[in-house]
Amino acid sequence: MLYKFKSKAAGDLIMLEPNGRRVLEIIGKDAGPQGIILPEEMPGAIAKLDDAIAREEAEHQAAIDDAKAKGQVPPKFDAVSLRQRAVPFIDMLKRCEKAGKEVVWGV
């Protein structure tokens, strides 16, 4: 399944199901087949995504530092980070908030 996020203020954004589900769960939305993010919800959603990105990066850096301190090989992480997956979505939310337009998916 794909998530296709649409808005009148930004181009469509397509995410694979696991990535779209993760982003929606982070912002506190039901990751069902259809949904909407209202402009008044967007600042909170952006803040939640920024917090999740910072947490993930801090956890990865801590794991790398811990492995180096123990003389072990640092762990490998997903080739594409949450930051790389979420930045286009954050940009879409910012544009839509500024324009006062909602983001929808599955319609």
Protein backbone atom coordinates (compact mmCIF):
# COMPACT_ATOMS: atom_id res chain seq x y z
CA MET A 1 0.00 0.00 0.00
CA LEU A 2 1.06 3.56 -0.62
CA TYR A 3 0.14 6.74 1.19
CA LYS A 4 -0.53 9.60 -1.20
CA PHE A 5 -0.70 12.88 0.70
CA LYS A 6 -2.52 15.63 -1.19
CA SER A 7 -3.15 19.32 -0.69
CA LYS A 8 -4.17 22.35 -2.70
CA ALA A 9 -1.09 24.21 -1.39
CA ALA A 10 1.62 21.65 -2.26
CA GLY A 11 2.41 18.88 -4.70
CA ASP A 12 1.42 15.31 -3.90
CA LEU A 13 3.73 13.34 -1.63
CA ILE A 14 3.85 9.55 -1.92
CA MET A 15 5.26 7.29 0.80
CA LEU A 16 5.47 3.54 1.09
CA GLU A 17 3.13 2.11 3.71
CA PRO A 18 5.67 1.53 6.52
CA ASN A 19 7.12 5.03 6.17
CA GLY A 20 3.77 6.78 5.90
CA ARG A 21 2.41 4.82 8.85
CA ARG A 22 5.41 5.77 10.98
CA VAL A 23 5.08 9.46 10.17
CA LEU A 24 1.35 9.43 10.90
CA GLU A 25 1.87 7.58 14.18
CA ILE A 26 4.52 10.10 15.25
CA ILE A 27 2.13 13.00 14.71
CA GLY A 28 -0.67 11.17 16.50
CA LYS A 29 -2.91 10.47 13.53
CA ASP A 30 -4.72 7.22 12.75
CA ALA A 31 -2.71 5.54 10.00
CA GLY A 32 -5.85 4.30 8.31
CA PRO A 33 -6.47 4.31 4.58
CA GLN A 34 -8.03 7.82 4.72
CA GLY A 35 -7.44 10.86 6.83
CA ILE A 36 -6.93 14.59 7.13
CA ILE A 37 -4.54 16.95 8.86
CA LEU A 38 -6.09 20.35 9.50
CA PRO A 39 -4.02 23.56 9.33
CA GLU A 40 -4.40 24.14 13.08
CA GLU A 41 -2.90 20.68 13.75
CA MET A 42 0.18 21.28 11.62
CA PRO A 43 2.41 23.21 14.09
CA GLY A 44 2.03 20.39 16.62
CA ALA A 45 2.67 17.75 13.96
CA ILE A 46 5.84 19.54 12.81
CA ALA A 47 7.08 19.79 16.40
CA LYS A 48 6.43 16.07 17.01
CA LEU A 49 8.33 15.12 13.85
CA ASP A 50 11.24 17.40 14.77
CA ASP A 51 11.37 15.83 18.24
CA ALA A 52 11.29 12.29 16.84
CA ILE A 53 14.09 13.12 14.38
CA ALA A 54 16.25 14.60 17.16
CA ARG A 55 15.61 11.55 19.39
CA GLU A 56 16.50 9.10 16.63
CA GLU A 57 19.71 10.95 15.77
CA ALA A 58 20.71 11.16 19.44
CA GLU A 59 20.04 7.42 19.93
CA HIS A 60 22.11 6.56 16.86
CA GLN A 61 24.98 8.76 17.98
CA ALA A 62 24.87 7.30 21.50
CA ALA A 63 24.99 3.75 20.08
CA ILE A 64 27.96 4.67 17.87
CA ASP A 65 29.81 6.34 20.75
CA ASP A 66 29.12 3.38 23.05
CA ALA A 67 30.41 0.89 20.50
CA LYS A 68 33.56 2.95 19.90
CA ALA A 69 34.18 3.24 23.64
CA LYS A 70 33.98 -0.56 23.94
CA GLY A 71 36.22 -1.06 20.93
CA GLN A 72 33.42 -2.63 18.92
CA VAL A 73 32.30 -2.03 15.37
CA PRO A 74 29.63 0.70 15.34
CA PRO A 75 26.12 -0.55 14.51
CA LYS A 76 24.58 -0.06 11.08
CA PHE A 77 21.29 1.78 10.75
CA ASP A 78 18.72 2.09 7.97
CA ALA A 79 20.23 3.63 4.85
CA VAL A 80 17.48 6.26 4.85
CA SER A 81 16.93 8.05 8.15
CA LEU A 82 13.71 9.40 9.59
CA ARG A 83 14.99 12.90 8.81
CA GLN A 84 15.33 12.07 5.11
CA ARG A 85 11.86 10.55 5.01
CA ALA A 86 10.14 13.24 7.06
CA VAL A 87 11.65 16.46 5.66
CA PRO A 88 9.47 16.46 2.50
CA PHE A 89 6.40 15.86 4.69
CA ILE A 90 7.43 18.65 7.09
CA ASP A 91 7.89 20.98 4.11
CA MET A 92 4.40 20.05 2.89
CA LEU A 93 2.93 20.75 6.33
CA LYS A 94 4.64 24.14 6.52
CA ARG A 95 3.36 25.17 3.08
CA CYS A 96 -0.15 24.00 3.87
CA GLU A 97 -0.21 25.70 7.27
CA LYS A 98 0.89 28.98 5.69
CA ALA A 99 -1.81 28.67 3.01
CA GLY A 100 -4.47 27.48 5.47
CA LYS A 101 -5.08 24.28 3.50
CA GLU A 102 -5.50 20.75 4.86
CA VAL A 103 -3.52 17.66 3.90
CA VAL A 104 -5.54 14.58 3.03
CA TRP A 105 -4.73 11.00 2.08
CA GLY A 106 -6.76 8.15 0.63
CA VAL A 107 -9.41 10.32 -1.02
